[in-house]
Protein backbone atom coordinates (compact mmCIF):
# COMPACT_ATOMS: atom_id res chain seq x y z
CA LEU A 1 -0.13 0.16 -0.12
CA THR A 2 3.04 1.90 -0.16
CA ARG A 3 4.36 3.56 -3.91
CA HIS A 4 8.16 3.54 -4.12
CA ALA A 5 9.72 5.06 -7.21
CA LEU A 6 13.30 3.06 -8.31
CA THR A 7 15.64 5.08 -10.57
CA GLU A 8 18.49 4.04 -12.40
CA ASN A 9 21.30 2.01 -10.08
CA SER A 10 19.18 1.75 -7.43
CA ILE A 11 18.10 -1.21 -5.95
CA PHE A 12 14.60 -2.39 -3.73
CA VAL A 13 14.85 -4.34 -0.54
CA HIS A 14 11.63 -5.81 0.76
CA LEU A 15 10.88 -8.35 3.31
CA PRO A 16 9.66 -11.67 3.62
CA GLY A 17 5.60 -11.86 3.23
CA SER A 18 5.56 -8.55 0.90
CA ILE A 19 3.08 -8.27 -1.66
CA ILE A 20 4.70 -6.42 -4.67
CA GLN A 21 3.12 -4.62 -7.80
CA ALA A 22 5.34 -3.35 -10.24
CA GLU A 23 4.48 -0.75 -12.45
CA SER A 24 6.64 0.92 -15.34
CA THR A 25 5.91 3.86 -17.99
CA GLU A 26 9.24 3.20 -19.90
CA GLU A 27 11.78 0.41 -20.95
CA ILE A 28 13.61 -0.77 -17.77
CA ALA A 29 16.31 -3.42 -17.12
CA LEU A 30 15.42 -5.04 -13.59
CA HIS A 31 16.69 -7.84 -11.91
CA ALA A 32 14.72 -9.53 -9.35
CA VAL A 33 16.45 -11.99 -6.74
CA ILE A 34 13.23 -14.03 -4.88
CA CYS A 35 14.35 -16.48 -2.27
CA GLU A 36 12.84 -18.85 0.18
CA GLU A 37 13.94 -18.60 3.81
CA GLU A 38 15.14 -22.29 3.74
CA PHE A 39 17.23 -21.71 0.73
CA ILE A 40 19.32 -18.79 2.46
CA ARG A 41 19.88 -21.05 5.44
CA ARG A 42 20.99 -23.58 3.25
CA ILE A 43 23.71 -21.46 1.69
CA ASN A 44 24.62 -20.57 5.37
CA ILE A 45 23.82 -16.77 5.47
CA ASP A 46 23.25 -15.09 8.75
CA ILE A 47 19.20 -14.68 8.97
CA LYS A 48 19.59 -12.64 12.02
CA LEU A 49 22.15 -10.30 10.45
CA LEU A 50 19.71 -10.08 7.00
CA SER A 51 16.88 -9.55 9.18
CA ARG A 52 18.34 -6.65 11.38
CA LEU A 53 19.34 -5.05 8.29
CA PHE A 54 16.18 -5.24 6.27
CA LEU A 55 14.49 -4.17 9.10
CA SER A 56 16.42 -1.32 9.18
CA VAL A 57 15.38 0.20 5.53
CA GLU A 58 11.89 -0.92 5.95
CA LYS A 59 10.45 2.49 5.77
CA GLN A 60 13.22 3.82 2.73
CA PRO A 61 13.60 0.54 1.14
CA CYS A 62 14.93 2.25 -2.36
CA LEU A 63 18.82 2.74 -2.10
CA ARG A 64 20.64 4.39 -4.62
CA LEU A 65 24.06 2.87 -5.39
CA CYS A 66 27.26 4.43 -6.68
CA GLU A 67 29.04 3.27 -9.38
CA ALA A 68 31.48 0.87 -7.70
CA GLU A 69 28.53 -0.86 -5.78
CA TRP A 70 26.53 -0.85 -8.94
CA ALA A 71 29.01 -2.50 -10.77
CA GLY A 72 29.90 -5.20 -8.06
CA ILE A 73 25.96 -6.23 -7.91
CA THR A 74 25.57 -6.54 -11.76
CA GLY A 75 29.02 -8.14 -11.87
CA SER A 76 27.42 -11.01 -9.53
CA PHE A 77 24.52 -11.08 -11.74
CA ALA A 78 26.36 -12.08 -14.81
CA GLU A 79 28.47 -14.35 -13.10
CA ILE A 80 25.51 -16.34 -11.59
CA ARG A 81 23.97 -16.03 -15.10
CA SER A 82 27.27 -17.61 -16.95
CA GLU A 83 27.36 -20.37 -14.52
CA SER A 84 23.79 -21.15 -14.41
CA LEU A 85 24.32 -22.50 -18.17
CA PRO A 86 23.61 -26.06 -18.68
CA ARG A 87 26.88 -28.18 -17.65
CA PRO A 88 25.97 -32.07 -17.99
CA GLY A 89 28.04 -34.31 -15.40
CA ASP A 90 29.75 -30.98 -13.62
CA VAL A 91 29.16 -31.73 -10.14
CA TYR A 92 30.84 -29.06 -8.75
CA SER A 93 28.39 -26.00 -10.41
CA PRO A 94 25.79 -26.31 -7.71
CA GLU A 95 28.16 -25.15 -5.28
CA ILE A 96 29.96 -22.54 -7.14
CA LEU A 97 26.07 -21.06 -7.79
CA ARG A 98 25.47 -21.24 -3.85
CA SER A 99 28.69 -19.56 -3.17
CA MET A 100 28.18 -16.97 -5.94
CA ILE A 101 24.60 -16.19 -4.28
CA ARG A 102 26.18 -16.00 -0.77
CA THR A 103 28.59 -13.52 -2.22
CA LEU A 104 25.69 -11.36 -3.97
CA ALA A 105 23.71 -11.48 -0.58
CA TYR A 106 26.44 -9.98 1.35
CA LYS A 107 27.29 -7.22 -1.33
CA VAL A 108 23.84 -6.36 -0.41
CA CYS A 109 24.40 -6.15 3.14
CA ARG A 110 27.51 -3.80 2.84
CA ILE A 111 25.19 -1.44 1.01
CA ILE A 112 22.57 -1.40 3.48
CA GLY A 113 25.19 -1.29 6.06
CA ARG A 114 26.61 1.79 4.63
CA HIS A 115 22.78 3.11 3.92
CA ILE A 116 22.85 2.68 7.50
CA GLU A 117 25.74 4.43 8.82
CA SER A 118 24.82 7.57 6.94
CA GLN A 119 21.81 8.06 8.32
CA PRO A 120 21.70 10.57 11.53
CA ALA A 121 21.56 8.65 15.07
CA PRO A 122 17.77 8.66 16.10
CA GLU A 123 16.75 10.94 18.97
CA THR A 124 15.16 9.13 21.81
CA SER A 125 11.97 11.15 22.45
CA ALA A 126 7.91 10.36 22.64
CA ARG A 127 7.83 10.24 18.86
CA SER A 128 10.69 7.55 18.45
CA ARG A 129 8.93 5.45 21.06
CA ASN A 130 5.76 5.68 19.02
CA ASP A 131 7.41 5.01 16.23
CA GLU A 132 9.01 1.67 17.86
CA TYR A 133 5.40 0.80 18.69
CA PHE A 134 4.62 1.37 15.47
CA ASN A 135 7.29 -0.94 13.94
CA GLN A 136 6.28 -3.74 16.58
CA PHE A 137 2.59 -3.36 15.54
CA MET A 138 3.53 -3.50 11.87
CA SER A 139 5.86 -6.69 12.60
CA GLU A 140 3.16 -8.52 14.45
CA LEU A 141 0.50 -7.67 11.60
CA THR A 142 2.89 -9.07 9.02
CA LYS A 143 2.91 -12.39 11.41
CA HIS A 144 -0.65 -12.71 12.30
CA TYR A 145 -3.09 -10.75 9.95
CA MET A 146 -4.12 -14.00 8.14
CA GLN A 147 -5.45 -15.44 11.58
CA GLU A 148 -6.26 -12.17 13.69
CA ARG A 149 -8.18 -9.16 12.66
CA SER A 150 -8.79 -7.68 16.39
CA VAL A 151 -6.94 -4.82 17.55
CA GLY A 152 -7.22 -6.35 21.02
CA PHE A 153 -5.04 -9.31 20.09
CA TYR A 154 -2.37 -7.01 18.68
CA ALA A 155 -2.59 -4.58 21.76
CA GLY A 156 -2.27 -8.06 23.91
CA GLN A 157 1.15 -8.83 21.74
CA LEU A 158 2.62 -5.18 22.62
CA HIS A 159 1.33 -5.43 26.23
CA LEU A 160 -0.56 -2.30 25.31
CA THR A 161 -4.64 -1.49 25.91
CA PRO A 162 -6.59 -1.29 22.36
CA LYS A 163 -7.37 2.33 23.14
CA TYR A 164 -3.53 3.24 23.75
CA LEU A 165 -2.36 1.41 20.75
CA THR A 166 -4.97 2.86 18.52
CA THR A 167 -4.18 6.22 19.65
CA ILE A 168 -0.49 5.58 18.88
CA ILE A 169 -0.94 4.13 15.66
CA ARG A 170 -3.01 7.15 14.64
CA LYS A 171 -0.29 9.49 15.96
CA THR A 172 2.40 8.00 13.77
CA SER A 173 0.54 6.99 10.60
CA GLY A 174 -2.22 9.14 10.16
CA ARG A 175 -4.12 5.74 10.49
CA THR A 176 -6.21 3.66 13.15
CA ALA A 177 -4.96 -0.07 13.72
CA ALA A 178 -8.17 -1.29 12.60
CA GLU A 179 -7.55 0.37 9.15
CA TRP A 180 -4.14 -1.32 8.78
CA ILE A 181 -5.32 -4.55 9.65
CA ASP A 182 -8.12 -4.44 7.21
CA ASP A 183 -6.01 -3.38 4.57
CA TYR A 184 -3.58 -6.08 4.95
CA VAL A 185 -6.42 -8.94 5.14
CA VAL A 186 -8.21 -7.23 2.20
CA LEU A 187 -5.01 -7.14 0.10
CA GLU A 188 -4.04 -10.51 0.69
CA ALA A 189 -7.60 -11.49 -0.36
CA LYS A 190 -7.35 -9.65 -3.62
CA ASN A 191 -4.24 -11.33 -4.21
CA LEU A 192 -5.64 -14.72 -3.74
CA LEU A 193 -8.62 -14.06 -5.41
CA LYS A 194 -6.82 -12.92 -8.48
CA TYR A 195 -3.69 -14.82 -8.49
CA SER A 196 -4.41 -18.19 -7.05
CA THR A 197 -6.55 -21.20 -7.80
CA MET A 198 -8.23 -21.52 -4.52
CA SER A 199 -11.98 -21.40 -4.27
CA ILE A 200 -13.76 -18.73 -2.71
CA GLN A 201 -14.52 -20.93 0.38
CA GLU A 202 -10.86 -22.01 0.60
CA ILE A 203 -9.86 -18.58 0.69
CA ALA A 204 -12.27 -17.71 3.68
CA TYR A 205 -11.09 -20.50 5.61
CA CYS A 206 -7.29 -19.67 4.71
CA LEU A 207 -8.05 -15.68 6.15
CA ASN A 208 -9.70 -17.22 9.09
CA PHE A 209 -13.04 -16.34 8.19
CA PRO A 210 -15.95 -18.46 9.98
CA ASN A 211 -17.54 -19.07 6.41
CA GLN A 212 -17.62 -17.96 2.85
CA SER A 213 -20.69 -15.79 3.57
CA PHE A 214 -19.15 -13.85 6.42
CA PHE A 215 -15.77 -13.24 3.98
CA GLY A 216 -17.97 -12.07 1.39
CA LYS A 217 -19.73 -9.36 3.54
CA TYR A 218 -16.25 -8.69 5.06
CA PHE A 219 -14.78 -8.13 1.57
CA ARG A 220 -17.83 -6.04 -0.15
CA SER A 221 -17.78 -3.77 2.83
CA HIS A 222 -14.27 -3.00 2.45
CA THR A 223 -14.03 -2.79 -1.44
CA GLY A 224 -17.82 -2.42 -3.02
CA MET A 225 -17.33 -5.83 -4.77
CA THR A 226 -18.08 -9.35 -4.10
CA PRO A 227 -15.43 -11.67 -4.08
CA SER A 228 -16.73 -13.33 -7.34
CA ALA A 229 -17.02 -9.82 -8.81
CA TYR A 230 -13.56 -9.15 -8.35
CA ARG A 231 -12.28 -12.32 -9.51
CA MET A 232 -13.95 -11.62 -12.60
CA SER A 233 -12.86 -8.29 -13.27
CA LYS A 234 -9.94 -7.09 -15.33
């Protein structure tokens, strides 16, 4: 639900669970790296390091690279592309590829680290405390939105009252906690309706609605369309 503009020689870092829609009005060359967490573990990359770095650029995920950094990233892509060519009987190529991808991941980590170091140190204030609560709320929402739609649940996770959580989220983002929860659920519902083969009833159960009828009413109240109508729309 946030728009970002990618410019030349830039990277966009996104967290697991993100839904990304790309739009372009001109010809571009775009490289995309999409990895499952289990793959990252298999090639022995420090998940904790990745998570800490990625969370630090969550609000500003578009990073502009200097020429040397861009050359390093694109150089890794070229090496990976070359090594990916069919090599019948080559028992070494898979390990070489894993090493190359691991190197690429750490190059990205170095870029993110450089970006963090260039940012001013945050001030301790009521605003920064509210930002921290907001970040914690969004983290919990990302984990649980497919099962939990209650503000009370997320307030409990943060050891706050629902009223206080709503006040903090509104002050920080200009929107209520309930609005954030609904947006996540509706966006996931739209994604499943458009891009999955699940039936509407299966989607309802997947998003923890008691039945298809309840899901339909919820979806229509937030989009003005029934799930079936949305699925058939362009």
